[in-house]
C-alpha atoms as a PDB file:
ATOM      1  CA  MET A   1     131.236 141.979  60.710  1.00  0.00           C
ATOM      2  CA  SER A   2     130.021 142.225  63.810  1.00  0.00           C
ATOM      3  CA  GLY A   3     129.450 138.446  65.707  1.00  0.00           C
ATOM      4  CA  LEU A   4     132.196 137.135  63.665  1.00  0.00           C
ATOM      5  CA  PHE A   5     135.312 135.027  64.966  1.00  0.00           C
ATOM      6  CA  LEU A   6     137.917 137.229  64.927  1.00  0.00           C
ATOM      7  CA  LEU A   7     141.295 136.750  66.093  1.00  0.00           C
ATOM      8  CA  SER A   8     142.527 138.682  68.870  1.00  0.00           C
ATOM      9  CA  ALA A   9     145.746 141.476  68.184  1.00  0.00           C
ATOM     10  CA  ARG A  10     147.260 139.813  70.831  1.00  0.00           C
ATOM     11  CA  GLN A  11     147.213 136.237  68.778  1.00  0.00           C
ATOM     12  CA  MET A  12     148.069 137.852  65.605  1.00  0.00           C
ATOM     13  CA  ALA A  13     151.064 139.329  66.713  1.00  0.00           C
ATOM     14  CA  ARG A  14     152.369 136.294  67.772  1.00  0.00           C
ATOM     15  CA  ILE A  15     151.647 134.838  63.840  1.00  0.00           C
ATOM     16  CA  SER A  16     152.068 137.846  61.888  1.00  0.00           C
ATOM     17  CA  PRO A  17     155.619 137.713  61.817  1.00  0.00           C
ATOM     18  CA  PHE A  18     155.562 134.284  59.922  1.00  0.00           C
ATOM     19  CA  PHE A  19     153.188 136.083  56.722  1.00  0.00           C
ATOM     20  CA  PRO A  20     154.996 136.519  53.304  1.00  0.00           C
ATOM     21  CA  LEU A  21     155.848 140.531  52.920  1.00  0.00           C
ATOM     22  CA  ALA A  22     153.191 142.230  50.485  1.00  0.00           C
ATOM     23  CA  HIS A  23     154.718 142.694  47.451  1.00  0.00           C
ATOM     24  CA  GLY A  24     153.398 145.639  44.630  1.00  0.00           C
ATOM     25  CA  VAL A  25     149.928 145.918  46.065  1.00  0.00           C
ATOM     26  CA  PRO A  26     148.828 146.158  49.221  1.00  0.00           C
ATOM     27  CA  ARG A  27     147.257 142.816  50.499  1.00  0.00           C
ATOM     28  CA  VAL A  28     144.128 142.729  52.022  1.00  0.00           C
ATOM     29  CA  ASP A  29     143.682 142.581  55.516  1.00  0.00           C
ATOM     30  CA  ASP A  30     145.698 139.267  56.742  1.00  0.00           C
ATOM     31  CA  ARG A  31     143.296 139.351  60.459  1.00  0.00           C
ATOM     32  CA  ARG A  32     140.136 139.622  58.028  1.00  0.00           C
ATOM     33  CA  VAL A  33     141.382 136.894  55.748  1.00  0.00           C
ATOM     34  CA  VAL A  34     143.353 134.146  58.170  1.00  0.00           C
ATOM     35  CA  SER A  35     139.866 134.522  60.275  1.00  0.00           C
ATOM     36  CA  GLY A  36     138.078 133.161  57.711  1.00  0.00           C
ATOM     37  CA  ILE A  37     140.381 130.495  56.703  1.00  0.00           C
ATOM     38  CA  VAL A  38     140.345 129.066  60.627  1.00  0.00           C
ATOM     39  CA  TYR A  39     136.171 129.851  60.858  1.00  0.00           C
ATOM     40  CA  VAL A  40     136.318 127.673  57.429  1.00  0.00           C
ATOM     41  CA  ILE A  41     138.237 124.600  59.011  1.00  0.00           C
ATOM     42  CA  LYS A  42     136.544 124.598  62.445  1.00  0.00           C
ATOM     43  CA  ASN A  43     133.757 124.125  60.896  1.00  0.00           C
ATOM     44  CA  GLY A  44     134.241 122.036  58.219  1.00  0.00           C
ATOM     45  CA  LEU A  45     132.610 124.517  55.363  1.00  0.00           C
ATOM     46  CA  GLN A  46     132.898 124.051  51.330  1.00  0.00           C
ATOM     47  CA  TRP A  47     135.326 127.764  50.346  1.00  0.00           C
ATOM     48  CA  LYS A  48     132.182 129.178  49.474  1.00  0.00           C
ATOM     49  CA  ASP A  49     129.989 129.000  52.004  1.00  0.00           C
ATOM     50  CA  ALA A  50     132.134 131.541  54.440  1.00  0.00           C
ATOM     51  CA  PRO A  51     130.398 133.953  55.878  1.00  0.00           C
ATOM     52  CA  LYS A  52     130.418 137.398  53.302  1.00  0.00           C
ATOM     53  CA  GLY A  53     131.892 138.875  56.546  1.00  0.00           C
ATOM     54  CA  TYR A  54     135.095 137.627  55.572  1.00  0.00           C
ATOM     55  CA  GLY A  55     135.699 138.802  52.168  1.00  0.00           C
ATOM     56  CA  PRO A  56     134.712 136.703  48.744  1.00  0.00           C
ATOM     57  CA  HIS A  57     135.415 133.087  49.189  1.00  0.00           C
ATOM     58  CA  LYS A  58     138.264 133.294  46.500  1.00  0.00           C
ATOM     59  CA  THR A  59     140.628 135.010  48.838  1.00  0.00           C
ATOM     60  CA  LEU A  60     140.217 132.790  51.329  1.00  0.00           C
ATOM     61  CA  TYR A  61     140.335 130.199  49.289  1.00  0.00           C
ATOM     62  CA  ASN A  62     143.979 131.128  46.970  1.00  0.00           C
ATOM     63  CA  ARG A  63     145.395 132.879  50.654  1.00  0.00           C
ATOM     64  CA  PHE A  64     145.282 129.283  52.201  1.00  0.00           C
ATOM     65  CA  ILE A  65     146.474 127.346  48.887  1.00  0.00           C
ATOM     66  CA  ARG A  66     149.027 129.833  48.269  1.00  0.00           C
ATOM     67  CA  TRP A  67     150.227 129.922  51.780  1.00  0.00           C
ATOM     68  CA  SER A  68     150.007 126.362  52.244  1.00  0.00           C
ATOM     69  CA  ARG A  69     152.861 125.738  49.244  1.00  0.00           C
ATOM     70  CA  LEU A  70     155.338 128.059  51.487  1.00  0.00           C
ATOM     71  CA  GLY A  71     154.631 126.415  53.946  1.00  0.00           C
ATOM     72  CA  VAL A  72     153.716 129.928  56.306  1.00  0.00           C
ATOM     73  CA  PHE A  73     151.115 128.007  58.681  1.00  0.00           C
ATOM     74  CA  ASP A  74     153.407 124.762  59.250  1.00  0.00           C
ATOM     75  CA  ARG A  75     156.246 127.532  60.522  1.00  0.00           C
ATOM     76  CA  ILE A  76     153.756 128.878  62.556  1.00  0.00           C
ATOM     77  CA  PHE A  77     152.756 125.620  64.231  1.00  0.00           C
ATOM     78  CA  ALA A  78     157.133 124.486  64.744  1.00  0.00           C
ATOM     79  CA  ALA A  79     157.485 128.016  66.076  1.00  0.00           C
ATOM     80  CA  LEU A  80     154.817 127.778  68.985  1.00  0.00           C
ATOM     81  CA  ALA A  81     155.402 124.599  69.956  1.00  0.00           C
ATOM     82  CA  ALA A  82     159.199 125.939  70.502  1.00  0.00           C
ATOM     83  CA  GLU A  83     158.065 128.371  72.492  1.00  0.00           C
ATOM     84  CA  GLY A  84     157.675 126.480  75.666  1.00  0.00           C
ATOM     85  CA  PRO A  85     159.975 124.803  78.174  1.00  0.00           C
ATOM     86  CA  LYS A  86     161.969 121.532  77.938  1.00  0.00           C
ATOM     87  CA  PRO A  87     159.017 118.957  78.782  1.00  0.00           C
ATOM     88  CA  GLU A  88     159.851 116.521  81.627  1.00  0.00           C
ATOM     89  CA  GLN A  89     157.987 113.673  79.683  1.00  0.00           C
ATOM     90  CA  ILE A  90     156.572 112.923  75.850  1.00  0.00           C
ATOM     91  CA  MET A  91     153.952 111.094  74.447  1.00  0.00           C
ATOM     92  CA  ILE A  92     153.957 109.793  70.784  1.00  0.00           C
ATOM     93  CA  ASP A  93     150.232 108.216  68.930  1.00  0.00           C
ATOM     94  CA  SER A  94     148.673 108.255  65.917  1.00  0.00           C
ATOM     95  CA  THR A  95     144.960 108.742  64.335  1.00  0.00           C
ATOM     96  CA  HIS A  96     143.385 107.715  61.396  1.00  0.00           C
ATOM     97  CA  LEU A  97     141.059 110.960  59.923  1.00  0.00           C
ATOM     98  CA  LYS A  98     138.847 109.475  57.015  1.00  0.00           C
ATOM     99  CA  ALA A  99     139.642 110.671  53.249  1.00  0.00           C
ATOM    100  CA  HIS A 100     135.910 111.838  51.609  1.00  0.00           C
ATOM    101  CA  ARG A 101     135.441 111.013  48.030  1.00  0.00           C
ATOM    102  CA  THR A 102     136.618 114.007  47.292  1.00  0.00           C
ATOM    103  CA  ALA A 103     139.478 113.662  48.229  1.00  0.00           C
ATOM    104  CA  ALA A 104     140.706 110.189  47.588  1.00  0.00           C
ATOM    105  CA  SER A 105     141.865 110.218  44.054  1.00  0.00           C
ATOM    106  CA  LEU A 106     145.256 109.293  44.504  1.00  0.00           C
ATOM    107  CA  PHE A 107     148.700 109.806  42.496  1.00  0.00           C
ATOM    108  CA  LYS A 108     149.906 107.686  39.573  1.00  0.00           C
ATOM    109  CA  LYS A 109     152.870 105.733  40.858  1.00  0.00           C
ATOM    110  CA  GLY A 110     156.025 106.906  40.497  1.00  0.00           C
ATOM    111  CA  VAL A 111     154.408 110.699  41.854  1.00  0.00           C
ATOM    112  CA  LEU A 112     154.558 112.414  44.937  1.00  0.00           C
ATOM    113  CA  SER A 113     152.096 110.289  47.344  1.00  0.00           C
ATOM    114  CA  ARG A 114     148.798 112.623  48.814  1.00  0.00           C
ATOM    115  CA  CYS A 115     149.130 110.541  52.319  1.00  0.00           C
ATOM    116  CA  ILE A 116     145.715 108.270  51.896  1.00  0.00           C
ATOM    117  CA  GLY A 117     145.684 104.842  51.705  1.00  0.00           C
ATOM    118  CA  ARG A 118     143.455 102.384  51.732  1.00  0.00           C
ATOM    119  CA  THR A 119     142.672 100.120  55.375  1.00  0.00           C
ATOM    120  CA  LYS A 120     140.272  97.946  56.613  1.00  0.00           C
ATOM    121  CA  GLY A 121     137.572 101.100  57.044  1.00  0.00           C
ATOM    122  CA  GLY A 122     138.677 102.783  53.668  1.00  0.00           C
ATOM    123  CA  LEU A 123     140.768 104.999  52.554  1.00  0.00           C
ATOM    124  CA  ASN A 124     142.648 107.139  54.581  1.00  0.00           C
ATOM    125  CA  SER A 125     145.648 109.198  56.281  1.00  0.00           C
ATOM    126  CA  LYS A 126     147.112 108.844  59.606  1.00  0.00           C
ATOM    127  CA  LEU A 127     147.846 111.605  61.790  1.00  0.00           C
ATOM    128  CA  HIS A 128     151.401 110.506  64.115  1.00  0.00           C
ATOM    129  CA  VAL A 129     151.765 112.988  66.781  1.00  0.00           C
ATOM    130  CA  VAL A 130     154.557 113.244  69.488  1.00  0.00           C
ATOM    131  CA  CYS A 131     152.981 115.867  72.733  1.00  0.00           C
ATOM    132  CA  ASP A 132     154.113 117.274  76.036  1.00  0.00           C
ATOM    133  CA  SER A 133     152.642 115.375  79.500  1.00  0.00           C
ATOM    134  CA  GLY A 134     149.745 118.589  79.344  1.00  0.00           C
ATOM    135  CA  GLY A 135     148.828 116.951  75.739  1.00  0.00           C
ATOM    136  CA  LYS A 136     149.903 119.749  73.226  1.00  0.00           C
ATOM    137  CA  PRO A 137     151.594 118.962  70.278  1.00  0.00           C
ATOM    138  CA  LEU A 138     154.766 119.451  69.617  1.00  0.00           C
ATOM    139  CA  ALA A 139     155.587 117.686  66.292  1.00  0.00           C
ATOM    140  CA  MET A 140     153.125 115.947  63.198  1.00  0.00           C
ATOM    141  CA  LEU A 141     153.734 113.382  60.792  1.00  0.00           C
ATOM    142  CA  LEU A 142     150.913 113.280  57.733  1.00  0.00           C
ATOM    143  CA  THR A 143     151.235 109.447  56.326  1.00  0.00           C
ATOM    144  CA  GLU A 144     149.166 106.917  54.354  1.00  0.00           C
ATOM    145  CA  GLY A 145     146.811 105.402  56.672  1.00  0.00           C
ATOM    146  CA  GLN A 146     148.254 101.882  56.218  1.00  0.00           C
ATOM    147  CA  MET A 147     151.607 102.949  57.347  1.00  0.00           C
ATOM    148  CA  SER A 148     152.364 101.126  60.518  1.00  0.00           C
ATOM    149  CA  ASP A 149     153.261 102.997  64.897  1.00  0.00           C
ATOM    150  CA  HIS A 150     156.701 101.348  64.421  1.00  0.00           C
ATOM    151  CA  LYS A 151     157.479 103.454  60.922  1.00  0.00           C
ATOM    152  CA  GLY A 152     155.727 106.091  61.493  1.00  0.00           C
ATOM    153  CA  ALA A 153     157.817 106.634  65.255  1.00  0.00           C
ATOM    154  CA  ARG A 154     160.955 106.218  63.097  1.00  0.00           C
ATOM    155  CA  MET A 155     160.131 108.654  60.326  1.00  0.00           C
ATOM    156  CA  MET A 156     160.217 111.254  63.360  1.00  0.00           C
ATOM    157  CA  LEU A 157     163.033 110.544  65.846  1.00  0.00           C
ATOM    158  CA  LYS A 158     164.484 113.567  65.279  1.00  0.00           C
ATOM    159  CA  ALA A 159     162.127 115.302  66.088  1.00  0.00           C
ATOM    160  CA  PHE A 160     161.607 114.192  69.608  1.00  0.00           C
ATOM    161  CA  PRO A 161     162.781 116.655  71.631  1.00  0.00           C
ATOM    162  CA  PRO A 162     164.815 115.986  74.980  1.00  0.00           C
ATOM    163  CA  ALA A 163     162.828 114.561  77.789  1.00  0.00           C
ATOM    164  CA  SER A 164     163.662 112.241  80.770  1.00  0.00           C
ATOM    165  CA  ALA A 165     160.489 109.282  79.736  1.00  0.00           C
ATOM    166  CA  LEU A 166     157.745 108.350  76.594  1.00  0.00           C
ATOM    167  CA  ILE A 167     154.957 107.364  77.222  1.00  0.00           C
ATOM    168  CA  ALA A 168     153.394 104.998  74.128  1.00  0.00           C
ATOM    169  CA  ASP A 169     150.831 102.169  74.153  1.00  0.00           C
ATOM    170  CA  LYS A 170     151.574  98.439  73.176  1.00  0.00           C
ATOM    171  CA  GLY A 171     151.688  98.735  69.336  1.00  0.00           C
ATOM    172  CA  TYR A 172     155.822 100.737  69.852  1.00  0.00           C
ATOM    173  CA  ASP A 173     156.906  97.864  71.949  1.00  0.00           C
ATOM    174  CA  SER A 174     159.732  96.878  70.430  1.00  0.00           C
ATOM    175  CA  ASP A 175     163.717  96.763  70.710  1.00  0.00           C
ATOM    176  CA  TRP A 176     165.062  98.834  68.791  1.00  0.00           C
ATOM    177  CA  PHE A 177     162.777 101.732  69.868  1.00  0.00           C
ATOM    178  CA  ARG A 178     163.341 100.867  73.274  1.00  0.00           C
ATOM    179  CA  GLU A 179     166.971 100.879  72.544  1.00  0.00           C
ATOM    180  CA  GLU A 180     167.063 103.895  70.336  1.00  0.00           C
ATOM    181  CA  LEU A 181     164.780 105.974  73.575  1.00  0.00           C
ATOM    182  CA  ARG A 182     167.195 105.446  75.898  1.00  0.00           C
ATOM    183  CA  ALA A 183     170.356 105.557  74.140  1.00  0.00           C
ATOM    184  CA  ARG A 184     169.282 110.051  73.899  1.00  0.00           C
ATOM    185  CA  GLY A 185     168.257 109.493  77.287  1.00  0.00           C
ATOM    186  CA  THR A 186     164.829 108.902  77.693  1.00  0.00           C
ATOM    187  CA  GLU A 187     163.448 106.230  79.259  1.00  0.00           C
ATOM    188  CA  PRO A 188     160.449 103.984  77.873  1.00  0.00           C
ATOM    189  CA  CYS A 189     157.355 103.666  79.964  1.00  0.00           C
ATOM    190  CA  ILE A 190     155.322 100.932  76.907  1.00  0.00           C
ATOM    191  CA  PRO A 191     153.806  98.304  77.703  1.00  0.00           C
ATOM    192  CA  PRO A 192     154.677  94.678  76.680  1.00  0.00           C
ATOM    193  CA  THR A 193     153.088  93.061  74.218  1.00  0.00           C
ATOM    194  CA  ARG A 194     151.619  89.479  74.798  1.00  0.00           C
ATOM    195  CA  SER A 195     153.948  88.295  72.391  1.00  0.00           C
ATOM    196  CA  ARG A 196     156.921  89.243  74.530  1.00  0.00           C
ATOM    197  CA  LYS A 197     158.297  85.953  76.240  1.00  0.00           C
ATOM    198  CA  SER A 198     159.793  87.589  78.885  1.00  0.00           C
ATOM    199  CA  PRO A 199     157.624  90.459  80.179  1.00  0.00           C
ATOM    200  CA  LEU A 200     158.939  94.241  80.739  1.00  0.00           C
ATOM    201  CA  ASP A 201     158.108  96.547  83.981  1.00  0.00           C
ATOM    202  CA  TYR A 202     156.913  99.914  83.331  1.00  0.00           C
ATOM    203  CA  ASP A 203     155.605 102.807  85.329  1.00  0.00           C
ATOM    204  CA  LYS A 204     152.380 101.730  85.235  1.00  0.00           C
ATOM    205  CA  VAL A 205     151.265 105.624  87.462  1.00  0.00           C
ATOM    206  CA  LEU A 206     153.093 107.088  85.033  1.00  0.00           C
ATOM    207  CA  TYR A 207     151.310 105.713  81.684  1.00  0.00           C
ATOM    208  CA  ARG A 208     147.933 106.807  83.396  1.00  0.00           C
ATOM    209  CA  GLN A 209     148.863 110.260  81.815  1.00  0.00           C
ATOM    210  CA  ARG A 210     148.221 108.542  78.458  1.00  0.00           C
ATOM    211  CA  HIS A 211     144.543 109.611  78.101  1.00  0.00           C
ATOM    212  CA  LYS A 212     146.472 112.920  77.265  1.00  0.00           C
ATOM    213  CA  ILE A 213     147.523 112.122  73.871  1.00  0.00           C
ATOM    214  CA  GLU A 214     144.005 110.951  73.171  1.00  0.00           C
ATOM    215  CA  ASN A 215     142.364 113.993  74.420  1.00  0.00           C
ATOM    216  CA  LEU A 216     144.780 116.045  71.748  1.00  0.00           C
ATOM    217  CA  PHE A 217     143.418 113.813  69.243  1.00  0.00           C
ATOM    218  CA  ALA A 218     139.217 114.194  70.249  1.00  0.00           C
ATOM    219  CA  LYS A 219     140.393 118.602  70.538  1.00  0.00           C
ATOM    220  CA  LEU A 220     141.826 118.051  66.456  1.00  0.00           C
ATOM    221  CA  LYS A 221     138.897 115.848  65.421  1.00  0.00           C
ATOM    222  CA  ASP A 222     136.292 118.691  66.572  1.00  0.00           C
ATOM    223  CA  TRP A 223     137.180 121.119  63.383  1.00  0.00           C
ATOM    224  CA  ARG A 224     135.153 119.726  61.173  1.00  0.00           C
ATOM    225  CA  ARG A 225     137.479 119.781  57.857  1.00  0.00           C
ATOM    226  CA  ILE A 226     140.690 117.643  60.401  1.00  0.00           C
ATOM    227  CA  SER A 227     138.020 114.998  61.207  1.00  0.00           C
ATOM    228  CA  THR A 228     137.577 114.686  57.689  1.00  0.00           C
ATOM    229  CA  ARG A 229     139.571 114.548  54.130  1.00  0.00           C
ATOM    230  CA  TYR A 230     138.925 117.239  52.137  1.00  0.00           C
ATOM    231  CA  ASP A 231     142.078 117.800  50.600  1.00  0.00           C
ATOM    232  CA  ARG A 232     143.342 116.049  47.787  1.00  0.00           C
ATOM    233  CA  CYS A 233     147.043 117.620  47.905  1.00  0.00           C
ATOM    234  CA  ALA A 234     148.833 116.528  51.200  1.00  0.00           C
ATOM    235  CA  HIS A 235     150.261 119.561  51.680  1.00  0.00           C
ATOM    236  CA  THR A 236     147.352 121.777  52.182  1.00  0.00           C
ATOM    237  CA  PHE A 237     145.839 119.160  54.934  1.00  0.00           C
ATOM    238  CA  PHE A 238     148.874 119.082  57.184  1.00  0.00           C
ATOM    239  CA  SER A 239     148.590 122.934  56.763  1.00  0.00           C
ATOM    240  CA  ALA A 240     144.603 122.785  57.931  1.00  0.00           C
ATOM    241  CA  ILE A 241     145.710 120.154  60.680  1.00  0.00           C
ATOM    242  CA  CYS A 242     148.549 123.213  61.949  1.00  0.00           C
ATOM    243  CA  ILE A 243     146.206 125.904  61.760  1.00  0.00           C
ATOM    244  CA  ALA A 244     143.621 123.915  64.239  1.00  0.00           C
ATOM    245  CA  ALA A 245     146.778 122.616  66.312  1.00  0.00           C
ATOM    246  CA  ALA A 246     147.788 126.517  66.692  1.00  0.00           C
ATOM    247  CA  VAL A 247     144.428 127.885  67.352  1.00  0.00           C
ATOM    248  CA  ALA A 248     143.444 125.183  69.358  1.00  0.00           C
ATOM    249  CA  PHE A 249     146.594 124.938  71.918  1.00  0.00           C
ATOM    250  CA  TYR A 250     148.882 127.801  71.298  1.00  0.00           C
ATOM    251  CA  LEU A 251     147.375 130.695  70.516  1.00  0.00           C
ATOM    252  CA  ASN A 252     143.731 130.698  72.986  1.00  0.00           C
ATOM    253  CA  GLN A 253     146.105 130.440  75.629  1.00  0.00           C
END
């Protein structure tokens, strides 16, 4: 297995407590399989194209699907994101992730959404992220591509960590959002839209830090199976995003 990407023993020690317990027959080596899953998502491969050193590709795929349904990767990301100190400032923004044709078949009405919607750019999903002042993701939400930033922010309010200020672009400028933030003890740093009749002040020096959340999205989109969505089910795609965020921002530190 020389030359293959493998998670280190220290990295495995941080995430292995969240793995399900094995029952009956001993499970195939967790380090090799999880490293193979990371490799496939990072490089945008089909599962069948995974290097042979990681073992049978069906084992990688089955482990990824089974643990995604159990929410294992979601819990790993949430636990790693909660380990750090209380952030002084937080930021919120969203980005579109293009849905490949293999993922674009939608469920019929009345069935759970796959979080794929149609916008001017075609079929895509939308990733809403709250991050700290260093650009590390703290909370994430996957929705249909046409969902507005305001609605996404409303759905994420309970996940906002306590902070002295929140930085966002003018797409989040609304009275209800500003009032909600102040009620939580968070000062909004949001430039007003042109449609406002009376201008609002905001900290222009602090607002310059907003590029860090844009850098976050760029780093996530370096992972090929994140920048282009191939997974039909929303929970499997979100699990891939959680794996990318955990490895890129927490396990490599």
